[in-house]
Amino acid sequence: MFKSRITGYQVKIATNSSFTKNVKIVTKKGYSNISKDVTGLKANKKYYVRVRTYKTVNGSKYYSPWSAYKTRSTD
């Protein structure tokens, strides 16, 4: 319903919950497929992940607030 109102997503990944250490931001354009592979992560490490959407209007990007974070571990 609201998917057509967004331009894409940003995924923010870090090694601490305050998102200040080893931060990586990945941008995904479009909304039809919200999955995104993230490369360059180290094995056997715990990561914190959060997501937000953005909309581009007349060349300016407008961002939603960041979601609550989830923790994920790499194998």
PDB file of N, CA and C in Angstrom:
ATOM      1  N   MET A   1       0.812  -1.185   0.000  1.00  0.00           N
ATOM      2  CA  MET A   1       0.000   0.000   0.000  1.00  0.00           C
ATOM      3  C   MET A   1       0.860   1.255   0.000  1.00  0.00           C
ATOM      4  N   PHE A   2       1.850   1.347   0.900  1.00  0.00           N
ATOM      5  CA  PHE A   2       2.695   2.528   0.973  1.00  0.00           C
ATOM      6  C   PHE A   2       4.013   2.346   0.245  1.00  0.00           C
ATOM      7  N   LYS A   3       4.250   1.173  -0.315  1.00  0.00           N
ATOM      8  CA  LYS A   3       5.528   0.902  -0.962  1.00  0.00           C
ATOM      9  C   LYS A   3       5.824   1.881  -2.090  1.00  0.00           C
ATOM     10  N   SER A   4       4.817   2.301  -2.820  1.00  0.00           N
ATOM     11  CA  SER A   4       5.057   3.201  -3.941  1.00  0.00           C
ATOM     12  C   SER A   4       5.489   4.593  -3.484  1.00  0.00           C
ATOM     13  N   ARG A   5       5.384   4.869  -2.221  1.00  0.00           N
ATOM     14  CA  ARG A   5       5.776   6.180  -1.708  1.00  0.00           C
ATOM     15  C   ARG A   5       7.245   6.255  -1.336  1.00  0.00           C
ATOM     16  N   ILE A   6       7.984   5.152  -1.456  1.00  0.00           N
ATOM     17  CA  ILE A   6       9.399   5.174  -1.092  1.00  0.00           C
ATOM     18  C   ILE A   6      10.269   4.938  -2.316  1.00  0.00           C
ATOM     19  N   THR A   7      11.504   5.393  -2.233  1.00  0.00           N
ATOM     20  CA  THR A   7      12.477   5.200  -3.303  1.00  0.00           C
ATOM     21  C   THR A   7      13.369   4.000  -3.020  1.00  0.00           C
ATOM     22  N   GLY A   8      13.660   3.742  -1.740  1.00  0.00           N
ATOM     23  CA  GLY A   8      14.531   2.628  -1.400  1.00  0.00           C
ATOM     24  C   GLY A   8      14.723   2.484   0.090  1.00  0.00           C
ATOM     25  N   TYR A   9      15.712   1.654   0.432  1.00  0.00           N
ATOM     26  CA  TYR A   9      16.016   1.333   1.823  1.00  0.00           C
ATOM     27  C   TYR A   9      17.482   1.550   2.112  1.00  0.00           C
ATOM     28  N   GLN A  10      17.800   1.778   3.376  1.00  0.00           N
ATOM     29  CA  GLN A  10      19.172   1.762   3.842  1.00  0.00           C
ATOM     30  C   GLN A  10      19.259   0.744   4.976  1.00  0.00           C
ATOM     31  N   VAL A  11      20.323  -0.037   4.962  1.00  0.00           N
ATOM     32  CA  VAL A  11      20.600  -0.997   6.019  1.00  0.00           C
ATOM     33  C   VAL A  11      21.896  -0.567   6.686  1.00  0.00           C
ATOM     34  N   LYS A  12      21.860  -0.423   7.993  1.00  0.00           N
ATOM     35  CA  LYS A  12      23.042   0.002   8.747  1.00  0.00           C
ATOM     36  C   LYS A  12      23.488  -1.156   9.622  1.00  0.00           C
ATOM     37  N   ILE A  13      24.775  -1.496   9.548  1.00  0.00           N
ATOM     38  CA  ILE A  13      25.334  -2.634  10.260  1.00  0.00           C
ATOM     39  C   ILE A  13      26.527  -2.149  11.071  1.00  0.00           C
ATOM     40  N   ALA A  14      26.633  -2.637  12.312  1.00  0.00           N
ATOM     41  CA  ALA A  14      27.753  -2.259  13.177  1.00  0.00           C
ATOM     42  C   ALA A  14      28.047  -3.396  14.146  1.00  0.00           C
ATOM     43  N   THR A  15      29.162  -3.269  14.839  1.00  0.00           N
ATOM     44  CA  THR A  15      29.535  -4.305  15.808  1.00  0.00           C
ATOM     45  C   THR A  15      29.188  -3.925  17.240  1.00  0.00           C
ATOM     46  N   ASN A  16      28.529  -2.782  17.431  1.00  0.00           N
ATOM     47  CA  ASN A  16      28.016  -2.445  18.757  1.00  0.00           C
ATOM     48  C   ASN A  16      26.621  -1.833  18.617  1.00  0.00           C
ATOM     49  N   SER A  17      25.858  -1.869  19.698  1.00  0.00           N
ATOM     50  CA  SER A  17      24.451  -1.451  19.631  1.00  0.00           C
ATOM     51  C   SER A  17      24.264   0.056  19.486  1.00  0.00           C
ATOM     52  N   SER A  18      25.300   0.844  19.747  1.00  0.00           N
ATOM     53  CA  SER A  18      25.184   2.292  19.546  1.00  0.00           C
ATOM     54  C   SER A  18      25.596   2.707  18.129  1.00  0.00           C
ATOM     55  N   PHE A  19      25.962   1.727  17.310  1.00  0.00           N
ATOM     56  CA  PHE A  19      26.301   1.927  15.902  1.00  0.00           C
ATOM     57  C   PHE A  19      27.429   2.945  15.712  1.00  0.00           C
ATOM     58  N   THR A  20      28.502   2.747  16.492  1.00  0.00           N
ATOM     59  CA  THR A  20      29.665   3.623  16.368  1.00  0.00           C
ATOM     60  C   THR A  20      30.931   2.864  15.970  1.00  0.00           C
ATOM     61  N   LYS A  21      30.923   1.532  16.020  1.00  0.00           N
ATOM     62  CA  LYS A  21      32.113   0.746  15.694  1.00  0.00           C
ATOM     63  C   LYS A  21      31.871  -0.094  14.441  1.00  0.00           C
ATOM     64  N   ASN A  22      32.830  -0.025  13.516  1.00  0.00           N
ATOM     65  CA  ASN A  22      32.776  -0.819  12.280  1.00  0.00           C
ATOM     66  C   ASN A  22      31.437  -0.663  11.556  1.00  0.00           C
ATOM     67  N   VAL A  23      31.038   0.561  11.339  1.00  0.00           N
ATOM     68  CA  VAL A  23      29.738   0.868  10.737  1.00  0.00           C
ATOM     69  C   VAL A  23      29.795   0.703   9.224  1.00  0.00           C
ATOM     70  N   LYS A  24      28.761   0.087   8.680  1.00  0.00           N
ATOM     71  CA  LYS A  24      28.618  -0.074   7.239  1.00  0.00           C
ATOM     72  C   LYS A  24      27.172   0.235   6.881  1.00  0.00           C
ATOM     73  N   ILE A  25      26.965   1.095   5.874  1.00  0.00           N
ATOM     74  CA  ILE A  25      25.620   1.420   5.404  1.00  0.00           C
ATOM     75  C   ILE A  25      25.496   0.946   3.966  1.00  0.00           C
ATOM     76  N   VAL A  26      24.447   0.176   3.707  1.00  0.00           N
ATOM     77  CA  VAL A  26      24.185  -0.359   2.378  1.00  0.00           C
ATOM     78  C   VAL A  26      22.855   0.211   1.903  1.00  0.00           C
ATOM     79  N   THR A  27      22.814   0.731   0.683  1.00  0.00           N
ATOM     80  CA  THR A  27      21.600   1.311   0.123  1.00  0.00           C
ATOM     81  C   THR A  27      21.027   0.395  -0.942  1.00  0.00           C
ATOM     82  N   LYS A  28      19.725   0.200  -0.898  1.00  0.00           N
ATOM     83  CA  LYS A  28      19.004  -0.634  -1.868  1.00  0.00           C
ATOM     84  C   LYS A  28      17.935   0.230  -2.511  1.00  0.00           C
ATOM     85  N   LYS A  29      18.046   0.445  -3.812  1.00  0.00           N
ATOM     86  CA  LYS A  29      17.040   1.228  -4.523  1.00  0.00           C
ATOM     87  C   LYS A  29      15.852   0.339  -4.854  1.00  0.00           C
ATOM     88  N   GLY A  30      14.682   0.918  -4.856  1.00  0.00           N
ATOM     89  CA  GLY A  30      13.463   0.188  -5.176  1.00  0.00           C
ATOM     90  C   GLY A  30      12.821  -0.413  -3.945  1.00  0.00           C
ATOM     91  N   TYR A  31      11.643  -0.980  -4.149  1.00  0.00           N
ATOM     92  CA  TYR A  31      10.921  -1.545  -3.022  1.00  0.00           C
ATOM     93  C   TYR A  31      10.339  -2.915  -3.323  1.00  0.00           C
ATOM     94  N   SER A  32      10.514  -3.413  -4.533  1.00  0.00           N
ATOM     95  CA  SER A  32       9.903  -4.691  -4.887  1.00  0.00           C
ATOM     96  C   SER A  32      10.593  -5.869  -4.214  1.00  0.00           C
ATOM     97  N   ASN A  33      11.886  -5.765  -3.942  1.00  0.00           N
ATOM     98  CA  ASN A  33      12.638  -6.830  -3.293  1.00  0.00           C
ATOM     99  C   ASN A  33      13.444  -6.206  -2.170  1.00  0.00           C
ATOM    100  N   ILE A  34      13.065  -6.489  -0.939  1.00  0.00           N
ATOM    101  CA  ILE A  34      13.721  -5.818   0.172  1.00  0.00           C
ATOM    102  C   ILE A  34      14.911  -6.582   0.725  1.00  0.00           C
ATOM    103  N   SER A  35      15.277  -7.705   0.124  1.00  0.00           N
ATOM    104  CA  SER A  35      16.453  -8.420   0.605  1.00  0.00           C
ATOM    105  C   SER A  35      17.710  -7.797  -0.003  1.00  0.00           C
ATOM    106  N   LYS A  36      18.808  -7.893   0.728  1.00  0.00           N
ATOM    107  CA  LYS A  36      20.066  -7.320   0.273  1.00  0.00           C
ATOM    108  C   LYS A  36      21.207  -8.128   0.860  1.00  0.00           C
ATOM    109  N   ASP A  37      22.116  -8.601   0.017  1.00  0.00           N
ATOM    110  CA  ASP A  37      23.303  -9.291   0.494  1.00  0.00           C
ATOM    111  C   ASP A  37      24.334  -8.254   0.921  1.00  0.00           C
ATOM    112  N   VAL A  38      24.933  -8.483   2.055  1.00  0.00           N
ATOM    113  CA  VAL A  38      25.954  -7.574   2.570  1.00  0.00           C
ATOM    114  C   VAL A  38      27.270  -8.337   2.576  1.00  0.00           C
ATOM    115  N   THR A  39      28.264  -7.779   1.926  1.00  0.00           N
ATOM    116  CA  THR A  39      29.567  -8.434   1.848  1.00  0.00           C
ATOM    117  C   THR A  39      30.561  -7.736   2.765  1.00  0.00           C
ATOM    118  N   GLY A  40      31.660  -8.399   3.039  1.00  0.00           N
ATOM    119  CA  GLY A  40      32.728  -7.807   3.817  1.00  0.00           C
ATOM    120  C   GLY A  40      32.586  -7.978   5.319  1.00  0.00           C
ATOM    121  N   LEU A  41      31.658  -8.820   5.774  1.00  0.00           N
ATOM    122  CA  LEU A  41      31.516  -9.058   7.202  1.00  0.00           C
ATOM    123  C   LEU A  41      32.451 -10.179   7.634  1.00  0.00           C
ATOM    124  N   LYS A  42      32.920 -10.131   8.859  1.00  0.00           N
ATOM    125  CA  LYS A  42      33.854 -11.130   9.374  1.00  0.00           C
ATOM    126  C   LYS A  42      33.095 -12.315   9.966  1.00  0.00           C
ATOM    127  N   ALA A  43      33.673 -13.492   9.831  1.00  0.00           N
ATOM    128  CA  ALA A  43      33.057 -14.716  10.346  1.00  0.00           C
ATOM    129  C   ALA A  43      33.097 -14.739  11.868  1.00  0.00           C
ATOM    130  N   ASN A  44      32.134 -15.449  12.450  1.00  0.00           N
ATOM    131  CA  ASN A  44      32.047 -15.647  13.905  1.00  0.00           C
ATOM    132  C   ASN A  44      32.011 -14.334  14.675  1.00  0.00           C
ATOM    133  N   LYS A  45      31.239 -13.387  14.193  1.00  0.00           N
ATOM    134  CA  LYS A  45      31.136 -12.076  14.818  1.00  0.00           C
ATOM    135  C   LYS A  45      29.663 -11.713  14.971  1.00  0.00           C
ATOM    136  N   LYS A  46      29.336 -10.969  16.012  1.00  0.00           N
ATOM    137  CA  LYS A  46      27.975 -10.513  16.250  1.00  0.00           C
ATOM    138  C   LYS A  46      27.804  -9.121  15.649  1.00  0.00           C
ATOM    139  N   TYR A  47      26.733  -8.927  14.876  1.00  0.00           N
ATOM    140  CA  TYR A  47      26.449  -7.642  14.243  1.00  0.00           C
ATOM    141  C   TYR A  47      25.083  -7.132  14.662  1.00  0.00           C
ATOM    142  N   TYR A  48      24.958  -5.818  14.687  1.00  0.00           N
ATOM    143  CA  TYR A  48      23.690  -5.154  14.971  1.00  0.00           C
ATOM    144  C   TYR A  48      23.216  -4.530  13.664  1.00  0.00           C
ATOM    145  N   VAL A  49      21.932  -4.710  13.360  1.00  0.00           N
ATOM    146  CA  VAL A  49      21.396  -4.288  12.065  1.00  0.00           C
ATOM    147  C   VAL A  49      20.119  -3.483  12.284  1.00  0.00           C
ATOM    148  N   ARG A  50      19.981  -2.388  11.547  1.00  0.00           N
ATOM    149  CA  ARG A  50      18.734  -1.616  11.537  1.00  0.00           C
ATOM    150  C   ARG A  50      18.479  -1.093  10.136  1.00  0.00           C
ATOM    151  N   VAL A  51      17.238  -0.708   9.876  1.00  0.00           N
ATOM    152  CA  VAL A  51      16.807  -0.357   8.521  1.00  0.00           C
ATOM    153  C   VAL A  51      15.998   0.941   8.560  1.00  0.00           C
ATOM    154  N   ARG A  52      16.071   1.684   7.466  1.00  0.00           N
ATOM    155  CA  ARG A  52      15.180   2.832   7.287  1.00  0.00           C
ATOM    156  C   ARG A  52      14.863   2.978   5.799  1.00  0.00           C
ATOM    157  N   THR A  53      13.783   3.653   5.489  1.00  0.00           N
ATOM    158  CA  THR A  53      13.406   3.912   4.104  1.00  0.00           C
ATOM    159  C   THR A  53      13.766   5.350   3.745  1.00  0.00           C
ATOM    160  N   TYR A  54      13.808   5.606   2.451  1.00  0.00           N
ATOM    161  CA  TYR A  54      14.005   6.984   2.006  1.00  0.00           C
ATOM    162  C   TYR A  54      13.176   7.251   0.758  1.00  0.00           C
ATOM    163  N   LYS A  55      12.904   8.508   0.527  1.00  0.00           N
ATOM    164  CA  LYS A  55      12.159   8.964  -0.641  1.00  0.00           C
ATOM    165  C   LYS A  55      12.933  10.113  -1.257  1.00  0.00           C
ATOM    166  N   THR A  56      13.127  10.071  -2.562  1.00  0.00           N
ATOM    167  CA  THR A  56      13.798  11.150  -3.271  1.00  0.00           C
ATOM    168  C   THR A  56      12.748  12.042  -3.924  1.00  0.00           C
ATOM    169  N   VAL A  57      12.800  13.327  -3.599  1.00  0.00           N
ATOM    170  CA  VAL A  57      11.872  14.308  -4.157  1.00  0.00           C
ATOM    171  C   VAL A  57      12.690  15.474  -4.681  1.00  0.00           C
ATOM    172  N   ASN A  58      12.609  15.728  -5.972  1.00  0.00           N
ATOM    173  CA  ASN A  58      13.341  16.830  -6.609  1.00  0.00           C
ATOM    174  C   ASN A  58      14.828  16.810  -6.263  1.00  0.00           C
ATOM    175  N   GLY A  59      15.419  15.621  -6.235  1.00  0.00           N
ATOM    176  CA  GLY A  59      16.846  15.482  -5.986  1.00  0.00           C
ATOM    177  C   GLY A  59      17.255  15.457  -4.520  1.00  0.00           C
ATOM    178  N   SER A  60      16.331  15.689  -3.605  1.00  0.00           N
ATOM    179  CA  SER A  60      16.632  15.649  -2.173  1.00  0.00           C
ATOM    180  C   SER A  60      16.101  14.354  -1.575  1.00  0.00           C
ATOM    181  N   LYS A  61      16.880  13.749  -0.666  1.00  0.00           N
ATOM    182  CA  LYS A  61      16.453  12.512  -0.015  1.00  0.00           C
ATOM    183  C   LYS A  61      15.862  12.817   1.355  1.00  0.00           C
ATOM    184  N   TYR A  62      14.735  12.185   1.631  1.00  0.00           N
ATOM    185  CA  TYR A  62      14.064  12.301   2.916  1.00  0.00           C
ATOM    186  C   TYR A  62      14.018  10.918   3.540  1.00  0.00           C
ATOM    187  N   TYR A  63      14.492  10.818   4.792  1.00  0.00           N
ATOM    188  CA  TYR A  63      14.662   9.528   5.446  1.00  0.00           C
ATOM    189  C   TYR A  63      13.643   9.337   6.562  1.00  0.00           C
ATOM    190  N   SER A  64      13.209   8.086   6.738  1.00  0.00           N
ATOM    191  CA  SER A  64      12.392   7.729   7.897  1.00  0.00           C
ATOM    192  C   SER A  64      13.319   7.534   9.089  1.00  0.00           C
ATOM    193  N   PRO A  65      12.774   7.419  10.292  1.00  0.00           N
ATOM    194  CA  PRO A  65      13.628   7.091  11.440  1.00  0.00           C
ATOM    195  C   PRO A  65      14.178   5.669  11.293  1.00  0.00           C
ATOM    196  N   TRP A  66      15.293   5.385  11.948  1.00  0.00           N
ATOM    197  CA  TRP A  66      15.850   4.036  11.941  1.00  0.00           C
ATOM    198  C   TRP A  66      14.935   3.108  12.723  1.00  0.00           C
ATOM    199  N   SER A  67      14.852   1.878  12.289  1.00  0.00           N
ATOM    200  CA  SER A  67      14.095   0.865  13.019  1.00  0.00           C
ATOM    201  C   SER A  67      14.846   0.496  14.295  1.00  0.00           C
ATOM    202  N   ALA A  68      14.193  -0.273  15.161  1.00  0.00           N
ATOM    203  CA  ALA A  68      14.897  -0.852  16.305  1.00  0.00           C
ATOM    204  C   ALA A  68      15.913  -1.848  15.747  1.00  0.00           C
ATOM    205  N   TYR A  69      17.006  -2.056  16.449  1.00  0.00           N
ATOM    206  CA  TYR A  69      18.026  -2.941  15.908  1.00  0.00           C
ATOM    207  C   TYR A  69      17.737  -4.408  16.224  1.00  0.00           C
ATOM    208  N   LYS A  70      18.276  -5.258  15.390  1.00  0.00           N
ATOM    209  CA  LYS A  70      18.252  -6.713  15.578  1.00  0.00           C
ATOM    210  C   LYS A  70      19.697  -7.176  15.603  1.00  0.00           C
ATOM    211  N   THR A  71      19.961  -8.254  16.278  1.00  0.00           N
ATOM    212  CA  THR A  71      21.316  -8.801  16.296  1.00  0.00           C
ATOM    213  C   THR A  71      21.374 -10.024  15.398  1.00  0.00           C
ATOM    214  N   ARG A  72      22.476 -10.153  14.704  1.00  0.00           N
ATOM    215  CA  ARG A  72      22.729 -11.297  13.818  1.00  0.00           C
ATOM    216  C   ARG A  72      24.176 -11.716  13.978  1.00  0.00           C
ATOM    217  N   SER A  73      24.416 -13.002  13.874  1.00  0.00           N
ATOM    218  CA  SER A  73      25.779 -13.527  13.955  1.00  0.00           C
ATOM    219  C   SER A  73      26.151 -14.155  12.625  1.00  0.00           C
ATOM    220  N   THR A  74      27.405 -13.993  12.243  1.00  0.00           N
ATOM    221  CA  THR A  74      27.893 -14.624  11.032  1.00  0.00           C
ATOM    222  C   THR A  74      28.490 -15.972  11.393  1.00  0.00           C
ATOM    223  N   ASP A  75      28.440 -16.889  10.468  1.00  0.00           N
ATOM    224  CA  ASP A  75      28.991 -18.229  10.699  1.00  0.00           C
ATOM    225  C   ASP A  75      30.372 -18.370  10.139  1.00  0.00           C
TER     226      ASP A  75
END
